[in-house]
Protein backbone atom coordinates (compact mmCIF):
# COMPACT_ATOMS: atom_id res chain seq x y z
CA MET A 1 32.81 -25.74 56.89
CA ILE A 2 29.22 -24.01 57.43
CA ARG A 3 30.80 -20.76 56.33
CA ALA A 4 32.50 -22.42 53.22
CA ALA A 5 29.17 -24.07 52.35
CA MET A 6 27.41 -20.83 52.54
CA LEU A 7 29.92 -19.14 50.28
CA CYS A 8 29.54 -21.87 47.79
CA VAL A 9 25.75 -21.46 47.84
CA GLY A 10 26.08 -17.77 47.41
CA THR A 11 28.51 -18.10 44.53
CA LEU A 12 26.19 -20.59 42.88
CA ALA A 13 23.26 -18.20 43.28
CA LEU A 14 25.25 -15.39 41.64
CA ILE A 15 26.18 -17.61 38.77
CA LEU A 16 22.59 -18.79 38.28
CA ALA A 17 21.35 -15.15 38.56
CA GLY A 18 23.95 -14.19 35.88
CA CYS A 19 22.80 -17.03 33.67
CA ASN A 20 19.16 -16.06 34.01
CA ARG A 21 19.96 -12.42 33.12
CA ASP A 22 21.94 -13.52 30.08
CA GLY A 23 19.11 -15.91 29.02
CA GLY A 24 16.46 -13.14 29.47
CA ASN A 25 18.51 -10.72 27.32
CA SER A 26 19.01 -13.32 24.64
CA GLN A 27 15.31 -14.22 24.56
CA GLY A 28 14.38 -10.50 24.35
CA ASN A 29 16.87 -9.93 21.48
CA SER A 30 15.25 -12.88 19.67
CA THR A 31 11.73 -11.54 19.94
CA ILE A 32 11.23 -9.19 17.00
CA ARG A 33 7.97 -7.11 17.16
CA ILE A 34 6.99 -5.43 13.88
CA ALA A 35 4.23 -2.92 13.58
CA VAL A 36 2.50 -2.89 10.11
CA ILE A 37 0.49 0.18 9.47
CA PRO A 38 -1.72 0.40 6.39
CA LYS A 39 -3.37 3.35 4.76
CA GLY A 40 -6.83 1.97 5.82
CA THR A 41 -8.36 -1.33 6.93
CA THR A 42 -11.58 -1.67 4.84
CA HIS A 43 -10.57 -2.33 1.31
CA GLU A 44 -9.91 -5.79 0.05
CA PHE A 45 -6.41 -4.57 -0.92
CA TRP A 46 -5.42 -4.02 2.70
CA LYS A 47 -6.88 -7.24 3.79
CA SER A 48 -4.57 -8.98 1.41
CA VAL A 49 -1.56 -6.96 2.61
CA GLU A 50 -2.44 -7.88 6.18
CA ALA A 51 -2.55 -11.74 5.21
CA GLY A 52 0.85 -11.42 3.45
CA ALA A 53 2.37 -9.65 6.43
CA LYS A 54 1.09 -12.11 8.91
CA LYS A 55 2.28 -15.02 6.73
CA ALA A 56 5.71 -13.62 6.77
CA GLY A 57 5.51 -13.21 10.57
CA GLU A 58 4.69 -16.80 11.06
CA GLU A 59 7.32 -18.11 8.68
CA LEU A 60 10.07 -15.88 10.05
CA LYS A 61 8.92 -16.42 13.65
CA VAL A 62 8.41 -12.64 14.49
CA GLU A 63 5.50 -10.89 15.98
CA VAL A 64 3.41 -8.76 13.47
CA ILE A 65 1.18 -6.09 14.92
CA TRP A 66 -1.46 -4.94 12.34
CA LYS A 67 -3.10 -1.60 13.07
CA GLY A 68 -4.26 1.31 10.82
CA PRO A 69 -6.90 3.81 10.26
CA LEU A 70 -10.38 2.74 9.19
CA LYS A 71 -10.52 5.12 6.28
CA GLU A 72 -7.79 6.42 3.93
CA ASP A 73 -8.09 10.02 4.87
CA GLU A 74 -7.07 9.83 8.54
CA LYS A 75 -3.42 10.90 8.23
CA ASN A 76 -3.39 12.34 11.73
CA GLN A 77 -4.42 8.96 13.14
CA GLN A 78 -1.76 7.38 11.21
CA ILE A 79 0.84 9.81 12.54
CA ALA A 80 -0.38 9.06 16.11
CA LEU A 81 0.10 5.23 15.32
CA VAL A 82 3.58 5.66 14.34
CA GLU A 83 4.33 7.70 17.50
CA GLN A 84 2.42 5.15 19.63
CA PHE A 85 4.52 2.12 18.35
CA VAL A 86 7.75 4.17 18.71
CA SER A 87 6.72 4.76 22.38
CA ASP A 88 5.90 1.09 22.80
CA GLY A 89 9.40 0.18 21.62
CA VAL A 90 8.61 -2.03 18.71
CA SER A 91 11.64 -3.45 16.81
CA GLY A 92 10.52 -1.91 13.50
CA ILE A 93 7.58 -0.38 11.63
CA CYS A 94 6.37 -1.01 8.12
CA LEU A 95 4.30 1.94 6.95
CA ALA A 96 2.12 2.70 3.97
CA PRO A 97 1.89 6.60 4.16
CA LEU A 98 -1.20 8.32 3.60
CA ASP A 99 0.47 11.52 2.76
CA ASP A 100 4.05 11.62 1.26
CA THR A 101 4.98 14.77 3.16
CA ALA A 102 3.10 14.63 6.51
CA LEU A 103 4.49 11.30 7.45
CA LEU A 104 8.10 12.17 6.84
CA ALA A 105 8.62 13.87 10.25
CA PRO A 106 7.33 11.01 12.32
CA VAL A 107 9.31 8.51 10.34
CA ARG A 108 12.57 10.62 10.80
CA SER A 109 11.71 10.77 14.55
CA ALA A 110 11.39 6.90 14.67
CA ALA A 111 14.68 6.48 12.98
CA GLY A 112 16.26 8.96 15.44
CA LYS A 113 15.05 6.69 18.28
CA LYS A 114 16.66 3.63 16.61
CA ILE A 115 13.25 2.21 15.31
CA PRO A 116 13.76 1.62 11.60
CA VAL A 117 10.85 2.08 9.07
CA VAL A 118 10.20 0.21 5.95
CA ILE A 119 7.93 2.07 3.62
CA TYR A 120 5.50 0.09 1.51
CA ASP A 121 2.81 0.67 -1.16
CA SER A 122 3.15 4.41 -1.38
CA GLY A 123 6.39 6.50 -1.36
CA LEU A 124 7.56 9.21 1.01
CA LYS A 125 9.46 12.39 0.20
CA GLY A 126 12.57 11.24 1.89
CA ASP A 127 15.81 9.20 1.21
CA ALA A 128 15.87 5.39 1.34
CA GLY A 129 18.79 4.30 3.38
CA LYS A 130 18.71 7.52 5.34
CA ASP A 131 15.16 8.50 6.39
CA PHE A 132 13.74 4.96 6.06
CA VAL A 133 15.12 1.47 5.23
CA SER A 134 13.59 0.58 1.89
CA LEU A 135 10.48 1.11 -0.25
CA VAL A 136 8.48 -2.00 -1.07
CA ALA A 137 5.92 -1.19 -3.76
CA THR A 138 4.45 -1.55 -7.18
CA ASN A 139 6.15 0.38 -9.89
CA ASN A 140 3.07 2.79 -9.90
CA LYS A 141 4.18 4.90 -12.82
CA LEU A 142 4.57 1.78 -14.96
CA GLY A 143 1.05 0.54 -13.76
CA GLY A 144 -0.39 3.79 -14.87
CA ARG A 145 1.39 3.74 -18.11
CA MET A 146 0.06 0.14 -18.71
CA ALA A 147 -3.45 1.36 -18.02
CA GLY A 148 -3.02 4.29 -20.42
CA GLU A 149 -1.69 2.07 -23.17
CA GLU A 150 -4.49 -0.33 -22.94
CA LEU A 151 -7.10 2.30 -23.03
CA VAL A 152 -5.48 3.81 -26.14
CA ARG A 153 -5.55 0.38 -27.68
CA ILE A 154 -9.29 -0.29 -27.13
CA LEU A 155 -10.72 3.24 -27.70
CA GLY A 156 -13.06 3.31 -30.62
CA ASP A 157 -13.95 6.45 -32.56
CA ASN A 158 -14.83 8.38 -29.43
CA LYS A 159 -11.36 9.67 -28.23
CA LYS A 160 -12.69 11.72 -25.29
CA VAL A 161 -11.20 10.48 -22.05
CA VAL A 162 -11.92 11.13 -18.30
CA LEU A 163 -9.42 10.61 -15.47
CA LEU A 164 -10.91 10.49 -12.01
CA ARG A 165 -7.89 11.04 -9.65
CA TYR A 166 -7.77 9.55 -6.13
CA LYS A 167 -6.40 11.90 -3.50
CA GLU A 168 -3.77 14.64 -3.14
CA GLY A 169 -0.72 13.54 -1.20
CA SER A 170 -1.07 9.88 -2.07
CA ALA A 171 2.28 9.20 -3.86
CA SER A 172 1.25 5.82 -5.30
CA THR A 173 -1.87 7.01 -7.03
CA MET A 174 -0.22 10.29 -8.26
CA GLU A 175 2.42 8.18 -9.94
CA ARG A 176 -0.32 6.06 -11.64
CA GLU A 177 -2.05 9.14 -12.87
CA ALA A 178 1.18 10.54 -14.12
CA GLY A 179 1.93 7.30 -15.96
CA PHE A 180 -1.52 7.20 -17.44
CA LEU A 181 -1.33 10.74 -18.73
CA GLU A 182 2.07 10.05 -20.20
CA ALA A 183 0.75 7.08 -22.19
CA ILE A 184 -2.41 8.71 -23.51
CA GLY A 185 -0.43 11.91 -24.37
CA LYS A 186 1.28 9.94 -27.21
CA ASP A 187 -2.00 9.81 -29.12
CA ALA A 188 -2.69 13.28 -30.47
CA LYS A 189 -6.29 12.27 -31.30
CA ILE A 190 -7.13 11.86 -27.57
CA THR A 191 -8.90 14.75 -25.70
CA LEU A 192 -8.82 14.83 -22.00
CA ILE A 193 -12.17 16.22 -21.05
CA GLU A 194 -11.77 15.89 -17.31
CA GLN A 195 -8.69 15.32 -15.17
CA ASN A 196 -9.15 17.63 -12.11
CA ARG A 197 -11.73 15.70 -10.04
CA TYR A 198 -10.79 13.74 -6.93
CA ALA A 199 -12.54 10.51 -5.79
CA GLY A 200 -11.78 10.88 -2.16
CA ALA A 201 -10.89 8.08 0.40
CA THR A 202 -14.02 5.75 0.13
CA MET A 203 -16.06 4.03 -2.55
CA GLY A 204 -19.07 6.21 -1.60
CA GLU A 205 -17.16 9.43 -2.12
CA ALA A 206 -15.91 8.23 -5.37
CA GLN A 207 -19.39 7.35 -6.55
CA THR A 208 -20.57 10.88 -5.62
CA ALA A 209 -17.59 12.49 -7.40
CA ALA A 210 -18.44 10.39 -10.51
CA MET A 211 -22.17 11.25 -10.30
CA ASN A 212 -21.22 15.00 -10.10
CA MET A 213 -19.62 14.73 -13.60
CA ILE A 214 -22.08 12.44 -15.15
CA ASP A 215 -22.59 14.63 -18.21
CA LYS A 216 -18.91 14.24 -19.04
CA LEU A 217 -19.09 10.56 -18.47
CA ARG A 218 -21.97 10.27 -21.01
CA ASP A 219 -19.70 12.16 -23.48
CA ALA A 220 -16.66 10.08 -22.86
CA GLY A 221 -15.26 7.18 -24.76
CA GLY A 222 -12.81 6.09 -22.14
CA ILE A 223 -12.30 6.30 -18.27
CA PHE A 224 -9.34 5.60 -16.00
CA CYS A 225 -9.50 5.35 -12.16
CA PRO A 226 -6.19 4.72 -10.14
CA ASN A 227 -7.19 2.50 -7.15
CA GLU A 228 -9.73 0.10 -5.78
CA SER A 229 -12.22 2.49 -4.25
CA SER A 230 -12.20 5.05 -7.07
CA THR A 231 -12.74 2.15 -9.57
CA MET A 232 -15.62 0.68 -7.62
CA GLY A 233 -17.28 4.10 -7.07
CA MET A 234 -17.02 4.91 -10.73
CA LEU A 235 -18.51 1.44 -11.57
CA LEU A 236 -21.49 2.07 -9.33
CA ALA A 237 -22.11 5.50 -10.89
CA LEU A 238 -22.00 4.02 -14.40
CA ARG A 239 -24.35 1.24 -13.42
CA GLN A 240 -26.70 3.80 -11.92
CA ASN A 241 -26.79 5.75 -15.20
CA ASN A 242 -26.92 2.77 -17.51
CA LEU A 243 -23.44 3.42 -18.77
CA ALA A 244 -21.61 0.36 -17.53
CA GLY A 245 -20.20 -1.45 -20.47
CA LYS A 246 -20.99 1.35 -22.96
CA VAL A 247 -17.75 3.30 -22.24
CA LYS A 248 -14.31 1.79 -22.13
CA PHE A 249 -13.14 1.58 -18.50
CA ILE A 250 -9.70 0.77 -17.10
CA GLY A 251 -9.28 0.57 -13.34
CA PHE A 252 -6.65 -0.36 -10.73
CA ASP A 253 -6.59 -3.26 -8.28
CA ALA A 254 -8.42 -6.58 -8.51
CA SER A 255 -10.95 -7.02 -5.78
CA PRO A 256 -13.56 -9.88 -6.41
CA PRO A 257 -16.40 -7.34 -7.34
CA LEU A 258 -14.00 -5.62 -9.91
CA LEU A 259 -12.95 -8.89 -11.35
CA GLU A 260 -16.53 -9.87 -11.78
CA ALA A 261 -17.15 -6.57 -13.62
CA VAL A 262 -14.37 -7.45 -15.96
CA ARG A 263 -16.00 -10.87 -16.54
CA ASN A 264 -19.32 -9.11 -17.21
CA GLY A 265 -17.81 -6.59 -19.68
CA GLU A 266 -18.44 -3.62 -17.48
CA ILE A 267 -14.73 -2.99 -16.96
CA GLN A 268 -12.35 -3.63 -19.88
CA GLY A 269 -9.12 -3.87 -17.81
CA LEU A 270 -7.61 -3.70 -14.41
CA ILE A 271 -3.96 -3.22 -13.37
CA ALA A 272 -3.56 -5.86 -10.57
CA GLN A 273 -0.95 -5.37 -7.95
CA ASP A 274 0.26 -8.11 -5.60
CA PRO A 275 -0.80 -6.88 -2.23
CA SER A 276 -0.20 -10.20 -0.33
CA GLY A 277 3.36 -10.25 -1.61
CA MET A 278 3.75 -6.66 -0.75
CA GLY A 279 2.81 -7.31 2.83
CA TYR A 280 5.18 -10.28 2.95
CA LYS A 281 8.11 -8.61 1.46
CA ALA A 282 7.70 -5.44 3.69
CA VAL A 283 7.92 -7.66 6.78
CA GLN A 284 10.76 -9.81 5.30
CA THR A 285 12.78 -6.74 4.42
CA MET A 286 12.43 -5.36 7.90
CA VAL A 287 13.59 -8.69 9.43
CA LYS A 288 16.64 -8.81 7.10
CA HIS A 289 17.48 -5.28 8.14
CA LEU A 290 17.07 -5.93 11.87
CA LYS A 291 19.37 -8.97 11.48
CA GLY A 292 22.06 -6.77 9.93
CA GLU A 293 21.64 -7.82 6.36
CA GLN A 294 21.92 -5.43 3.42
CA VAL A 295 18.49 -4.65 1.69
CA PRO A 296 17.93 -2.73 -1.56
CA ASP A 297 16.59 0.79 -1.53
CA TYR A 298 13.62 -0.23 -3.58
CA ILE A 299 11.86 -3.57 -4.08
CA ASP A 300 9.32 -3.84 -6.98
CA THR A 301 6.43 -6.05 -5.98
CA GLY A 302 5.05 -6.17 -9.70
CA CYS A 303 1.81 -5.48 -11.43
CA LYS A 304 -0.11 -6.99 -14.47
CA LEU A 305 -2.99 -6.18 -16.86
CA ILE A 306 -6.14 -8.25 -16.31
CA THR A 307 -8.71 -8.39 -19.11
CA LYS A 308 -11.63 -10.61 -19.85
CA THR A 309 -9.45 -12.88 -22.09
CA THR A 310 -6.89 -13.32 -19.26
CA LEU A 311 -9.34 -14.39 -16.62
CA PRO A 312 -9.60 -18.06 -15.72
């Protein structure tokens, strides 16, 4: 009897242990951890992306880990973050690549270790569905084209135009610059008096770059800058030289200070993205993929032109 009882107790213990193991695996499988890596963490744009990503995490009941470089010129740190999260064994990574070439190898390496990557904001020189899951981003070439078309529309008699580029290797801004050049190229009267200067990663660097071509800015009838920091840096340089509002200026992104400059007539138009929606859809796309759902290779998060007349 005693032996039979001991056998029963032993069998019960094995059953319970098996149940606990199964339950632990089930709980582990249900815990999705997604690392979201931005280009930088200081601009208002990225703060909005973070808010959208975390909102998706809360609604979809997954853990979102937000971590990125401070400045948008630290690609080696971004590569290290991808490698760190792969080593940590996260479920997936959402990445806004600082460089469309340098980040391809670590993304492929992650995929090789069964950690999928969703690319957002800025493209990568790889294949969606093979090297990464999907691209979640603004149609950047369209946004640049919209900026160019608006500048052509509002230019007065002075048809001299300045383009302050952002940074080499940044696919999103290079596409905006290409779209802008395509649009203004349709007006034979426009002369591009500067297009080979780069703003750099910060607002301060952009302001310095603008100050270094102040003579051309004084001569220009129109200006285009392709992101938040380049637009803000250019605005500060124009203000410093009493040019704000005297030259037609189209920028990109819609931080509160830039919107105020539109309201004041210092900037004539901004191409606004949907950074919160971008962060949300990047996480949402990753969750769908992890759950075995089909996702498109590209998800357009939209953009629109903001002018003084469209502001509330």
